């Protein structure tokens, strides 16, 4: 598969951009465990052009992460174009436009999935960004605003005509947020449209190897993107790649193996963040790393309340000693129950 001049393996696996999750530390862990392409956390165009510290910090990318894209969102064409030019200077491999974020404070301003209510502006904005930068430009969006406006089949062609090099589609409407089941039928319709020649990447409810294989086989997408199921479970990339390559299901990692990954993730997080920020942002991952362990409530509470780094490491080692060979049978399905 190719996105512009970027070469990717057959049936590539993408880590979805997620706010406060896909920071450099988590991206590096996912890369080590088999992710083929990753994105930064999504970046506000307004924050970037105003030199906001949080937005500028998200531009930090590292050669070990490549290929990697920077994702931008906003509702004003001039601000999005200016932010794309700024982002290009950070030397990512591509610029991605977020037309899919359903969060109320973003969508109601007309950014993210809010752009699905103003298709002419979406197309004009995309054209302007494609003209403004030399890097490949891609788009991530949803099926439509609600069940009465699932317009992705039409806008996919119009987006392709702007010059974008790939399209990622999340199989829900904005109104659904992340509820219900992702509908891949329209993703498949876009992919199998003979007029669509750019790669089509599917996203939504990929929770393990069997689901990934089903989506590749049933809908013929060029790539799949995984989001929520990676949180505290970055080895999902390794599991999917192994199954796609061999047809064999890898066993769930032991608690001891998960402890190794958690400690590596914590160390990397501390490299990139100061003070307690690294610990606060690690908690979401740590709460999931050891899900499925029986009689774990008290230990989990200690793990998620202390601010002492050495105590966190000590608790993880304690978990390893106590439950080291245990394998959870829940897998990633726990995220979608």
C-alpha atoms as a PDB file:
ATOM      1  CA  UNK A   1       0.000   0.000   0.000  1.00  0.00           C
ATOM      2  CA  UNK A   2       1.174   3.522  -0.775  1.00  0.00           C
ATOM      3  CA  UNK A   3       0.044   6.903   0.494  1.00  0.00           C
ATOM      4  CA  UNK A   4       1.636   9.347  -1.878  1.00  0.00           C
ATOM      5  CA  UNK A   5       5.287   8.324  -1.777  1.00  0.00           C
ATOM      6  CA  UNK A   6       4.991   6.490   1.565  1.00  0.00           C
ATOM      7  CA  UNK A   7       5.417   2.728   1.223  1.00  0.00           C
ATOM      8  CA  UNK A   8       3.532   0.580   3.744  1.00  0.00           C
ATOM      9  CA  UNK A   9       3.250  -3.200   4.057  1.00  0.00           C
ATOM     10  CA  UNK A  10       0.280  -5.132   2.749  1.00  0.00           C
ATOM     11  CA  UNK A  11      -2.705  -4.857   5.123  1.00  0.00           C
ATOM     12  CA  UNK A  12      -1.118  -2.111   7.255  1.00  0.00           C
ATOM     13  CA  UNK A  13      -2.163  -1.349  10.828  1.00  0.00           C
ATOM     14  CA  UNK A  14      -2.706   2.301  11.829  1.00  0.00           C
ATOM     15  CA  UNK A  15      -2.761   3.722  15.352  1.00  0.00           C
ATOM     16  CA  UNK A  16      -5.623   6.227  15.521  1.00  0.00           C
ATOM     17  CA  UNK A  17      -4.906   9.762  16.747  1.00  0.00           C
ATOM     18  CA  UNK A  18      -6.373  10.163  20.235  1.00  0.00           C
ATOM     19  CA  UNK A  19      -6.222  13.158  22.540  1.00  0.00           C
ATOM     20  CA  UNK A  20      -4.093  12.619  25.679  1.00  0.00           C
ATOM     21  CA  UNK A  21      -3.301   9.073  24.520  1.00  0.00           C
ATOM     22  CA  UNK A  22      -1.168   8.992  21.372  1.00  0.00           C
ATOM     23  CA  UNK A  23       1.715  10.973  22.812  1.00  0.00           C
ATOM     24  CA  UNK A  24       5.333  10.086  21.874  1.00  0.00           C
ATOM     25  CA  UNK A  25       5.690   7.532  24.673  1.00  0.00           C
ATOM     26  CA  UNK A  26       2.617   5.520  23.672  1.00  0.00           C
ATOM     27  CA  UNK A  27       3.424   5.837  19.975  1.00  0.00           C
ATOM     28  CA  UNK A  28       6.877   4.376  20.563  1.00  0.00           C
ATOM     29  CA  UNK A  29       5.446   1.442  22.512  1.00  0.00           C
ATOM     30  CA  UNK A  30       2.924   0.752  19.748  1.00  0.00           C
ATOM     31  CA  UNK A  31       5.651   1.009  17.122  1.00  0.00           C
ATOM     32  CA  UNK A  32       7.745  -1.548  19.005  1.00  0.00           C
ATOM     33  CA  UNK A  33       4.731  -3.859  19.068  1.00  0.00           C
ATOM     34  CA  UNK A  34       3.888  -3.695  15.384  1.00  0.00           C
ATOM     35  CA  UNK A  35       2.008  -0.505  14.449  1.00  0.00           C
ATOM     36  CA  UNK A  36       2.825   0.388  10.838  1.00  0.00           C
ATOM     37  CA  UNK A  37       1.665   4.008  10.828  1.00  0.00           C
ATOM     38  CA  UNK A  38       0.822   6.459  13.593  1.00  0.00           C
ATOM     39  CA  UNK A  39      -0.456   9.977  14.130  1.00  0.00           C
ATOM     40  CA  UNK A  40       0.092  12.655  16.708  1.00  0.00           C
ATOM     41  CA  UNK A  41      -2.712  13.621  19.028  1.00  0.00           C
ATOM     42  CA  UNK A  42      -5.004  15.885  17.032  1.00  0.00           C
ATOM     43  CA  UNK A  43      -3.911  19.508  17.102  1.00  0.00           C
ATOM     44  CA  UNK A  44      -6.082  22.628  17.183  1.00  0.00           C
ATOM     45  CA  UNK A  45      -5.334  24.949  14.277  1.00  0.00           C
ATOM     46  CA  UNK A  46      -6.260  27.934  16.446  1.00  0.00           C
ATOM     47  CA  UNK A  47      -3.867  26.829  19.175  1.00  0.00           C
ATOM     48  CA  UNK A  48      -1.069  26.205  16.727  1.00  0.00           C
ATOM     49  CA  UNK A  49      -1.208  29.525  14.906  1.00  0.00           C
ATOM     50  CA  UNK A  50      -1.345  31.312  18.266  1.00  0.00           C
ATOM     51  CA  UNK A  51       1.737  29.428  19.420  1.00  0.00           C
ATOM     52  CA  UNK A  52      -0.152  27.712  22.231  1.00  0.00           C
ATOM     53  CA  UNK A  53       2.196  25.604  24.317  1.00  0.00           C
ATOM     54  CA  UNK A  54       0.032  22.482  24.320  1.00  0.00           C
ATOM     55  CA  UNK A  55      -0.530  22.588  20.564  1.00  0.00           C
ATOM     56  CA  UNK A  56       3.107  23.287  19.705  1.00  0.00           C
ATOM     57  CA  UNK A  57       4.291  20.491  21.993  1.00  0.00           C
ATOM     58  CA  UNK A  58       2.219  17.999  20.000  1.00  0.00           C
ATOM     59  CA  UNK A  59       4.366  18.691  16.945  1.00  0.00           C
ATOM     60  CA  UNK A  60       7.255  16.786  18.512  1.00  0.00           C
ATOM     61  CA  UNK A  61       7.953  13.688  16.437  1.00  0.00           C
ATOM     62  CA  UNK A  62      10.953  11.371  16.317  1.00  0.00           C
ATOM     63  CA  UNK A  63      12.646   9.409  13.558  1.00  0.00           C
ATOM     64  CA  UNK A  64      12.033   6.111  15.370  1.00  0.00           C
ATOM     65  CA  UNK A  65       8.272   6.663  14.973  1.00  0.00           C
ATOM     66  CA  UNK A  66       8.215   7.041  11.202  1.00  0.00           C
ATOM     67  CA  UNK A  67       6.138   6.985   9.151  1.00  0.00           C
ATOM     68  CA  UNK A  68       3.950   9.367  11.117  1.00  0.00           C
ATOM     69  CA  UNK A  69       1.314  11.977  10.355  1.00  0.00           C
ATOM     70  CA  UNK A  70       0.285  15.183  12.100  1.00  0.00           C
ATOM     71  CA  UNK A  71      -3.489  15.577  12.404  1.00  0.00           C
ATOM     72  CA  UNK A  72      -5.117  19.016  12.493  1.00  0.00           C
ATOM     73  CA  UNK A  73      -8.641  20.239  13.177  1.00  0.00           C
ATOM     74  CA  UNK A  74     -10.386  23.585  12.913  1.00  0.00           C
ATOM     75  CA  UNK A  75     -13.349  25.365  11.349  1.00  0.00           C
ATOM     76  CA  UNK A  76     -11.650  28.274   9.546  1.00  0.00           C
ATOM     77  CA  UNK A  77      -9.899  27.793   6.221  1.00  0.00           C
ATOM     78  CA  UNK A  78      -7.162  30.401   6.730  1.00  0.00           C
ATOM     79  CA  UNK A  79      -6.287  29.064  10.180  1.00  0.00           C
ATOM     80  CA  UNK A  80      -6.195  25.472   8.917  1.00  0.00           C
ATOM     81  CA  UNK A  81      -3.976  26.410   5.986  1.00  0.00           C
ATOM     82  CA  UNK A  82      -1.594  28.360   8.216  1.00  0.00           C
ATOM     83  CA  UNK A  83      -1.454  25.530  10.744  1.00  0.00           C
ATOM     84  CA  UNK A  84      -0.772  22.997   7.983  1.00  0.00           C
ATOM     85  CA  UNK A  85       2.188  25.069   6.822  1.00  0.00           C
ATOM     86  CA  UNK A  86       3.491  25.235  10.405  1.00  0.00           C
ATOM     87  CA  UNK A  87       2.979  21.495  10.856  1.00  0.00           C
ATOM     88  CA  UNK A  88       4.835  20.758   7.620  1.00  0.00           C
ATOM     89  CA  UNK A  89       7.924  22.416   9.109  1.00  0.00           C
ATOM     90  CA  UNK A  90       7.961  19.709  11.819  1.00  0.00           C
ATOM     91  CA  UNK A  91       8.710  17.252   8.966  1.00  0.00           C
ATOM     92  CA  UNK A  92       5.988  14.628   9.390  1.00  0.00           C
ATOM     93  CA  UNK A  93       5.372  12.162   6.573  1.00  0.00           C
ATOM     94  CA  UNK A  94       1.890  13.534   5.889  1.00  0.00           C
ATOM     95  CA  UNK A  95      -0.740  16.012   7.084  1.00  0.00           C
ATOM     96  CA  UNK A  96      -4.112  14.571   8.117  1.00  0.00           C
ATOM     97  CA  UNK A  97      -7.314  16.611   8.396  1.00  0.00           C
ATOM     98  CA  UNK A  98      -9.699  15.690  11.201  1.00  0.00           C
ATOM     99  CA  UNK A  99     -13.286  15.789   9.946  1.00  0.00           C
ATOM    100  CA  UNK A 100     -14.340  13.062  12.359  1.00  0.00           C
ATOM    101  CA  UNK A 101     -13.967  14.107  16.011  1.00  0.00           C
ATOM    102  CA  UNK A 102     -17.480  13.961  17.550  1.00  0.00           C
ATOM    103  CA  UNK A 103     -16.684  15.769  20.830  1.00  0.00           C
ATOM    104  CA  UNK A 104     -19.340  18.384  21.441  1.00  0.00           C
ATOM    105  CA  UNK A 105     -17.065  21.396  22.031  1.00  0.00           C
ATOM    106  CA  UNK A 106     -15.301  20.694  18.722  1.00  0.00           C
ATOM    107  CA  UNK A 107     -18.167  19.525  16.510  1.00  0.00           C
ATOM    108  CA  UNK A 108     -20.619  22.263  17.529  1.00  0.00           C
ATOM    109  CA  UNK A 109     -18.080  24.887  16.435  1.00  0.00           C
ATOM    110  CA  UNK A 110     -18.074  23.331  12.982  1.00  0.00           C
ATOM    111  CA  UNK A 111     -14.708  21.571  13.330  1.00  0.00           C
ATOM    112  CA  UNK A 112     -14.046  17.825  13.379  1.00  0.00           C
ATOM    113  CA  UNK A 113     -17.254  15.923  12.593  1.00  0.00           C
ATOM    114  CA  UNK A 114     -19.058  19.268  12.619  1.00  0.00           C
ATOM    115  CA  UNK A 115     -17.743  19.758   9.099  1.00  0.00           C
ATOM    116  CA  UNK A 116     -20.151  17.016   7.970  1.00  0.00           C
ATOM    117  CA  UNK A 117     -22.889  19.665   8.199  1.00  0.00           C
ATOM    118  CA  UNK A 118     -21.077  21.969   5.780  1.00  0.00           C
ATOM    119  CA  UNK A 119     -19.753  19.875   2.907  1.00  0.00           C
ATOM    120  CA  UNK A 120     -18.920  22.825   0.617  1.00  0.00           C
ATOM    121  CA  UNK A 121     -16.672  24.248   3.351  1.00  0.00           C
ATOM    122  CA  UNK A 122     -15.129  20.805   3.926  1.00  0.00           C
ATOM    123  CA  UNK A 123     -14.215  20.515   0.263  1.00  0.00           C
ATOM    124  CA  UNK A 124     -12.955  24.095  -0.008  1.00  0.00           C
ATOM    125  CA  UNK A 125     -10.812  23.689   3.118  1.00  0.00           C
ATOM    126  CA  UNK A 126      -9.322  20.416   1.909  1.00  0.00           C
ATOM    127  CA  UNK A 127      -8.487  21.887  -1.506  1.00  0.00           C
ATOM    128  CA  UNK A 128      -6.791  24.874   0.138  1.00  0.00           C
ATOM    129  CA  UNK A 129      -4.627  22.677   2.392  1.00  0.00           C
ATOM    130  CA  UNK A 130      -3.643  20.367  -0.471  1.00  0.00           C
ATOM    131  CA  UNK A 131      -2.504  23.406  -2.470  1.00  0.00           C
ATOM    132  CA  UNK A 132      -0.637  24.946   0.475  1.00  0.00           C
ATOM    133  CA  UNK A 133       1.684  22.061   1.443  1.00  0.00           C
ATOM    134  CA  UNK A 134       4.050  19.754  -0.387  1.00  0.00           C
ATOM    135  CA  UNK A 135       3.425  16.740   1.832  1.00  0.00           C
ATOM    136  CA  UNK A 136       0.649  14.222   1.130  1.00  0.00           C
ATOM    137  CA  UNK A 137      -2.661  15.278   2.664  1.00  0.00           C
ATOM    138  CA  UNK A 138      -5.173  12.731   3.984  1.00  0.00           C
ATOM    139  CA  UNK A 139      -8.598  12.983   5.610  1.00  0.00           C
ATOM    140  CA  UNK A 140     -10.312  11.146   8.469  1.00  0.00           C
ATOM    141  CA  UNK A 141     -14.084  11.438   8.723  1.00  0.00           C
ATOM    142  CA  UNK A 142     -17.318   9.579   9.593  1.00  0.00           C
ATOM    143  CA  UNK A 143     -20.314   8.181   7.734  1.00  0.00           C
ATOM    144  CA  UNK A 144     -22.258  11.402   8.206  1.00  0.00           C
ATOM    145  CA  UNK A 145     -23.766  13.642  10.866  1.00  0.00           C
ATOM    146  CA  UNK A 146     -26.659  11.318  11.762  1.00  0.00           C
ATOM    147  CA  UNK A 147     -28.635   8.352  10.434  1.00  0.00           C
ATOM    148  CA  UNK A 148     -30.510  10.614   8.022  1.00  0.00           C
ATOM    149  CA  UNK A 149     -27.333  11.981   6.447  1.00  0.00           C
ATOM    150  CA  UNK A 150     -24.936   9.101   5.806  1.00  0.00           C
ATOM    151  CA  UNK A 151     -23.290  10.856   2.873  1.00  0.00           C
ATOM    152  CA  UNK A 152     -19.828   9.324   2.932  1.00  0.00           C
ATOM    153  CA  UNK A 153     -20.211   7.593  -0.453  1.00  0.00           C
ATOM    154  CA  UNK A 154     -20.754  10.952  -2.146  1.00  0.00           C
ATOM    155  CA  UNK A 155     -18.235  13.036  -0.254  1.00  0.00           C
ATOM    156  CA  UNK A 156     -15.516  10.384  -0.661  1.00  0.00           C
ATOM    157  CA  UNK A 157     -15.424  11.099  -4.381  1.00  0.00           C
ATOM    158  CA  UNK A 158     -15.450  14.844  -3.826  1.00  0.00           C
ATOM    159  CA  UNK A 159     -12.636  14.587  -1.270  1.00  0.00           C
ATOM    160  CA  UNK A 160     -10.603  12.447  -3.652  1.00  0.00           C
ATOM    161  CA  UNK A 161     -11.026  15.126  -6.314  1.00  0.00           C
ATOM    162  CA  UNK A 162      -9.336  17.665  -4.022  1.00  0.00           C
ATOM    163  CA  UNK A 163      -6.081  15.727  -4.299  1.00  0.00           C
ATOM    164  CA  UNK A 164      -5.949  13.900  -0.974  1.00  0.00           C
ATOM    165  CA  UNK A 165      -3.848  10.722  -0.971  1.00  0.00           C
ATOM    166  CA  UNK A 166      -5.919   8.523   1.375  1.00  0.00           C
ATOM    167  CA  UNK A 167      -9.236   8.524   3.225  1.00  0.00           C
ATOM    168  CA  UNK A 168      -9.950   7.036   6.654  1.00  0.00           C
ATOM    169  CA  UNK A 169     -13.585   6.372   7.519  1.00  0.00           C
ATOM    170  CA  UNK A 170     -14.918   5.699  11.010  1.00  0.00           C
ATOM    171  CA  UNK A 171     -18.016   3.524  10.734  1.00  0.00           C
ATOM    172  CA  UNK A 172     -20.289   5.678  12.889  1.00  0.00           C
ATOM    173  CA  UNK A 173     -22.109   8.974  12.515  1.00  0.00           C
ATOM    174  CA  UNK A 174     -21.285  11.992  14.645  1.00  0.00           C
ATOM    175  CA  UNK A 175     -24.585  11.548  16.494  1.00  0.00           C
ATOM    176  CA  UNK A 176     -23.518   8.049  17.581  1.00  0.00           C
ATOM    177  CA  UNK A 177     -20.298   9.285  19.164  1.00  0.00           C
ATOM    178  CA  UNK A 178     -18.705   5.932  20.098  1.00  0.00           C
ATOM    179  CA  UNK A 179     -21.960   4.160  20.949  1.00  0.00           C
ATOM    180  CA  UNK A 180     -23.535   1.227  19.200  1.00  0.00           C
ATOM    181  CA  UNK A 181     -21.773  -0.886  16.606  1.00  0.00           C
ATOM    182  CA  UNK A 182     -19.609   0.540  13.844  1.00  0.00           C
ATOM    183  CA  UNK A 183     -21.241   0.011  10.420  1.00  0.00           C
ATOM    184  CA  UNK A 184     -18.624  -1.027   7.887  1.00  0.00           C
ATOM    185  CA  UNK A 185     -21.027  -1.535   4.986  1.00  0.00           C
ATOM    186  CA  UNK A 186     -20.646   2.032   3.741  1.00  0.00           C
ATOM    187  CA  UNK A 187     -16.876   1.856   4.224  1.00  0.00           C
ATOM    188  CA  UNK A 188     -16.934  -1.179   1.930  1.00  0.00           C
ATOM    189  CA  UNK A 189     -19.141   0.682  -0.531  1.00  0.00           C
ATOM    190  CA  UNK A 190     -16.592   3.492  -0.751  1.00  0.00           C
ATOM    191  CA  UNK A 191     -13.700   1.065  -1.151  1.00  0.00           C
ATOM    192  CA  UNK A 192     -15.463  -0.897  -3.883  1.00  0.00           C
ATOM    193  CA  UNK A 193     -16.515   2.190  -5.826  1.00  0.00           C
ATOM    194  CA  UNK A 194     -14.532   1.885  -9.095  1.00  0.00           C
ATOM    195  CA  UNK A 195     -14.115   5.662  -9.163  1.00  0.00           C
ATOM    196  CA  UNK A 196     -12.196   5.609  -5.861  1.00  0.00           C
ATOM    197  CA  UNK A 197      -8.503   5.057  -6.536  1.00  0.00           C
ATOM    198  CA  UNK A 198      -6.937   6.366  -3.302  1.00  0.00           C
ATOM    199  CA  UNK A 199      -6.412   3.993  -0.342  1.00  0.00           C
ATOM    200  CA  UNK A 200      -9.414   3.585   1.955  1.00  0.00           C
ATOM    201  CA  UNK A 201      -8.679   2.876   5.631  1.00  0.00           C
ATOM    202  CA  UNK A 202     -11.442   1.510   7.862  1.00  0.00           C
ATOM    203  CA  UNK A 203     -11.858   2.395  11.534  1.00  0.00           C
ATOM    204  CA  UNK A 204     -14.257   1.343  14.269  1.00  0.00           C
ATOM    205  CA  UNK A 205     -14.551  -1.586  16.691  1.00  0.00           C
ATOM    206  CA  UNK A 206     -11.362  -3.371  15.651  1.00  0.00           C
ATOM    207  CA  UNK A 207     -10.796  -5.239  18.907  1.00  0.00           C
ATOM    208  CA  UNK A 208      -8.552  -8.127  17.909  1.00  0.00           C
ATOM    209  CA  UNK A 209      -7.183 -10.371  15.168  1.00  0.00           C
ATOM    210  CA  UNK A 210     -10.459 -12.004  14.134  1.00  0.00           C
ATOM    211  CA  UNK A 211     -12.237  -8.686  13.657  1.00  0.00           C
ATOM    212  CA  UNK A 212      -9.296  -7.258  11.727  1.00  0.00           C
ATOM    213  CA  UNK A 213      -9.197 -10.254   9.387  1.00  0.00           C
ATOM    214  CA  UNK A 214     -12.967 -10.069   8.880  1.00  0.00           C
ATOM    215  CA  UNK A 215     -12.839  -6.408   7.875  1.00  0.00           C
ATOM    216  CA  UNK A 216      -9.999  -6.958   5.423  1.00  0.00           C
ATOM    217  CA  UNK A 217     -11.707  -9.984   3.889  1.00  0.00           C
ATOM    218  CA  UNK A 218     -15.317  -8.778   3.864  1.00  0.00           C
ATOM    219  CA  UNK A 219     -14.829  -5.161   2.844  1.00  0.00           C
ATOM    220  CA  UNK A 220     -11.489  -5.137   1.014  1.00  0.00           C
ATOM    221  CA  UNK A 221     -10.150  -2.032   2.739  1.00  0.00           C
ATOM    222  CA  UNK A 222      -6.542  -1.066   2.133  1.00  0.00           C
ATOM    223  CA  UNK A 223      -5.755  -0.577   5.825  1.00  0.00           C
ATOM    224  CA  UNK A 224      -7.367  -0.646   9.247  1.00  0.00           C
ATOM    225  CA  UNK A 225      -7.053   1.907  12.029  1.00  0.00           C
ATOM    226  CA  UNK A 226      -7.298   0.936  15.694  1.00  0.00           C
ATOM    227  CA  UNK A 227      -8.186   3.360  18.454  1.00  0.00           C
ATOM    228  CA  UNK A 228      -9.743   2.591  21.839  1.00  0.00           C
ATOM    229  CA  UNK A 229      -8.714  -1.072  21.873  1.00  0.00           C
ATOM    230  CA  UNK A 230      -5.041  -0.060  21.985  1.00  0.00           C
ATOM    231  CA  UNK A 231      -5.330   1.778  25.315  1.00  0.00           C
ATOM    232  CA  UNK A 232      -3.460  -0.314  27.845  1.00  0.00           C
ATOM    233  CA  UNK A 233      -3.272  -3.007  25.192  1.00  0.00           C
ATOM    234  CA  UNK A 234      -0.615  -1.962  22.647  1.00  0.00           C
ATOM    235  CA  UNK A 235       0.267  -5.620  21.921  1.00  0.00           C
ATOM    236  CA  UNK A 236      -2.938  -5.785  19.866  1.00  0.00           C
ATOM    237  CA  UNK A 237      -0.820  -4.792  16.849  1.00  0.00           C
ATOM    238  CA  UNK A 238       1.464  -7.788  17.355  1.00  0.00           C
ATOM    239  CA  UNK A 239      -1.528 -10.087  17.760  1.00  0.00           C
ATOM    240  CA  UNK A 240      -3.218  -8.871  14.587  1.00  0.00           C
ATOM    241  CA  UNK A 241      -0.061  -8.934  12.483  1.00  0.00           C
ATOM    242  CA  UNK A 242       0.730 -12.477  13.591  1.00  0.00           C
ATOM    243  CA  UNK A 243      -2.765 -13.684  12.747  1.00  0.00           C
ATOM    244  CA  UNK A 244      -2.831 -11.968   9.356  1.00  0.00           C
ATOM    245  CA  UNK A 245       0.540 -13.504   8.517  1.00  0.00           C
ATOM    246  CA  UNK A 246       0.094 -17.029   9.910  1.00  0.00           C
ATOM    247  CA  UNK A 247      -3.573 -17.638  10.713  1.00  0.00           C
ATOM    248  CA  UNK A 248      -2.574 -18.434  14.295  1.00  0.00           C
ATOM    249  CA  UNK A 249      -3.930 -16.695  17.395  1.00  0.00           C
ATOM    250  CA  UNK A 250      -1.207 -15.615  19.781  1.00  0.00           C
ATOM    251  CA  UNK A 251      -1.938 -16.291  23.447  1.00  0.00           C
ATOM    252  CA  UNK A 252      -2.693 -13.294  25.635  1.00  0.00           C
ATOM    253  CA  UNK A 253       0.564 -11.979  27.143  1.00  0.00           C
ATOM    254  CA  UNK A 254       1.247 -13.092  30.666  1.00  0.00           C
ATOM    255  CA  UNK A 255       1.026 -10.541  33.456  1.00  0.00           C
ATOM    256  CA  UNK A 256       4.821 -10.655  33.615  1.00  0.00           C
ATOM    257  CA  UNK A 257       5.040  -9.680  29.930  1.00  0.00           C
ATOM    258  CA  UNK A 258       2.496  -6.911  30.446  1.00  0.00           C
ATOM    259  CA  UNK A 259       4.536  -5.638  33.400  1.00  0.00           C
ATOM    260  CA  UNK A 260       7.583  -5.324  31.130  1.00  0.00           C
ATOM    261  CA  UNK A 261       5.572  -3.303  28.622  1.00  0.00           C
ATOM    262  CA  UNK A 262       4.016  -1.115  31.325  1.00  0.00           C
ATOM    263  CA  UNK A 263       7.428  -0.326  32.811  1.00  0.00           C
ATOM    264  CA  UNK A 264       8.836   0.508  29.395  1.00  0.00           C
ATOM    265  CA  UNK A 265       5.860   2.756  28.697  1.00  0.00           C
ATOM    266  CA  UNK A 266       6.250   4.510  32.053  1.00  0.00           C
ATOM    267  CA  UNK A 267       9.955   5.106  31.456  1.00  0.00           C
ATOM    268  CA  UNK A 268       9.302   6.601  28.033  1.00  0.00           C
ATOM    269  CA  UNK A 269       6.521   8.795  29.394  1.00  0.00           C
ATOM    270  CA  UNK A 270       8.871  10.181  32.041  1.00  0.00           C
ATOM    271  CA  UNK A 271      11.377  11.036  29.307  1.00  0.00           C
ATOM    272  CA  UNK A 272       8.913  13.318  27.544  1.00  0.00           C
ATOM    273  CA  UNK A 273       6.882  14.847  30.368  1.00  0.00           C
ATOM    274  CA  UNK A 274       7.721  16.766  33.485  1.00  0.00           C
ATOM    275  CA  UNK A 275       6.456  16.410  37.032  1.00  0.00           C
ATOM    276  CA  UNK A 276       3.238  14.571  37.727  1.00  0.00           C
ATOM    277  CA  UNK A 277       1.905  15.002  34.206  1.00  0.00           C
ATOM    278  CA  UNK A 278       3.510  11.767  33.064  1.00  0.00           C
ATOM    279  CA  UNK A 279       1.868   9.874  35.926  1.00  0.00           C
ATOM    280  CA  UNK A 280      -1.578  11.407  35.440  1.00  0.00           C
ATOM    281  CA  UNK A 281      -1.569  10.608  31.721  1.00  0.00           C
ATOM    282  CA  UNK A 282      -0.259   7.079  32.301  1.00  0.00           C
ATOM    283  CA  UNK A 283      -3.145   6.179  34.596  1.00  0.00           C
ATOM    284  CA  UNK A 284      -5.577   5.507  31.770  1.00  0.00           C
ATOM    285  CA  UNK A 285      -3.135   2.996  30.331  1.00  0.00           C
ATOM    286  CA  UNK A 286      -2.185   1.439  33.662  1.00  0.00           C
ATOM    287  CA  UNK A 287      -5.834   0.880  34.551  1.00  0.00           C
ATOM    288  CA  UNK A 288      -6.124  -1.311  31.455  1.00  0.00           C
ATOM    289  CA  UNK A 289      -2.730  -3.028  31.346  1.00  0.00           C
ATOM    290  CA  UNK A 290      -3.753  -5.438  34.083  1.00  0.00           C
ATOM    291  CA  UNK A 291      -7.483  -5.799  33.478  1.00  0.00           C
ATOM    292  CA  UNK A 292      -8.838  -9.269  34.049  1.00  0.00           C
ATOM    293  CA  UNK A 293      -6.639 -10.098  37.020  1.00  0.00           C
ATOM    294  CA  UNK A 294      -8.792 -11.623  39.788  1.00  0.00           C
ATOM    295  CA  UNK A 295      -9.027  -9.940  43.208  1.00  0.00           C
ATOM    296  CA  UNK A 296      -7.136  -6.933  41.883  1.00  0.00           C
ATOM    297  CA  UNK A 297      -9.210  -4.033  43.208  1.00  0.00           C
ATOM    298  CA  UNK A 298      -6.984  -3.040  46.128  1.00  0.00           C
ATOM    299  CA  UNK A 299      -3.767  -3.255  44.104  1.00  0.00           C
ATOM    300  CA  UNK A 300      -5.345  -1.331  41.232  1.00  0.00           C
ATOM    301  CA  UNK A 301      -6.401   1.449  43.621  1.00  0.00           C
ATOM    302  CA  UNK A 302      -2.845   1.798  44.917  1.00  0.00           C
ATOM    303  CA  UNK A 303      -1.457   1.794  41.385  1.00  0.00           C
ATOM    304  CA  UNK A 304      -3.789   4.567  40.240  1.00  0.00           C
ATOM    305  CA  UNK A 305      -3.571   6.888  43.248  1.00  0.00           C
ATOM    306  CA  UNK A 306       0.100   7.207  44.078  1.00  0.00           C
ATOM    307  CA  UNK A 307       2.203   9.998  42.580  1.00  0.00           C
ATOM    308  CA  UNK A 308       5.504   8.388  43.547  1.00  0.00           C
ATOM    309  CA  UNK A 309       7.228   6.961  40.482  1.00  0.00           C
ATOM    310  CA  UNK A 310       9.281   4.470  42.430  1.00  0.00           C
ATOM    311  CA  UNK A 311       6.184   3.264  44.226  1.00  0.00           C
ATOM    312  CA  UNK A 312       4.454   2.728  40.875  1.00  0.00           C
ATOM    313  CA  UNK A 313       7.399   0.675  39.680  1.00  0.00           C
ATOM    314  CA  UNK A 314       7.384  -1.270  42.927  1.00  0.00           C
ATOM    315  CA  UNK A 315       3.658  -2.024  42.606  1.00  0.00           C
ATOM    316  CA  UNK A 316       4.132  -3.223  39.019  1.00  0.00           C
ATOM    317  CA  UNK A 317       6.927  -5.529  40.189  1.00  0.00           C
ATOM    318  CA  UNK A 318       4.636  -6.734  42.974  1.00  0.00           C
ATOM    319  CA  UNK A 319       1.983  -7.498  40.360  1.00  0.00           C
ATOM    320  CA  UNK A 320       4.554  -9.441  38.364  1.00  0.00           C
ATOM    321  CA  UNK A 321       5.576 -11.534  41.359  1.00  0.00           C
ATOM    322  CA  UNK A 322       2.016 -12.265  42.445  1.00  0.00           C
ATOM    323  CA  UNK A 323       0.341 -12.903  39.083  1.00  0.00           C
ATOM    324  CA  UNK A 324       3.296 -13.314  36.702  1.00  0.00           C
ATOM    325  CA  UNK A 325       2.124 -16.339  34.683  1.00  0.00           C
ATOM    326  CA  UNK A 326      -1.549 -15.395  34.669  1.00  0.00           C
ATOM    327  CA  UNK A 327      -3.166 -14.749  31.269  1.00  0.00           C
ATOM    328  CA  UNK A 328      -6.444 -12.863  31.059  1.00  0.00           C
ATOM    329  CA  UNK A 329      -9.036 -14.491  28.836  1.00  0.00           C
ATOM    330  CA  UNK A 330     -11.001 -11.300  28.287  1.00  0.00           C
ATOM    331  CA  UNK A 331      -8.799  -9.796  25.610  1.00  0.00           C
ATOM    332  CA  UNK A 332      -9.793  -6.591  23.860  1.00  0.00           C
ATOM    333  CA  UNK A 333     -13.470  -7.579  23.728  1.00  0.00           C
ATOM    334  CA  UNK A 334     -13.816  -5.947  27.158  1.00  0.00           C
ATOM    335  CA  UNK A 335     -13.633  -2.542  25.479  1.00  0.00           C
ATOM    336  CA  UNK A 336     -16.802  -3.073  23.476  1.00  0.00           C
ATOM    337  CA  UNK A 337     -19.204  -4.709  25.902  1.00  0.00           C
END
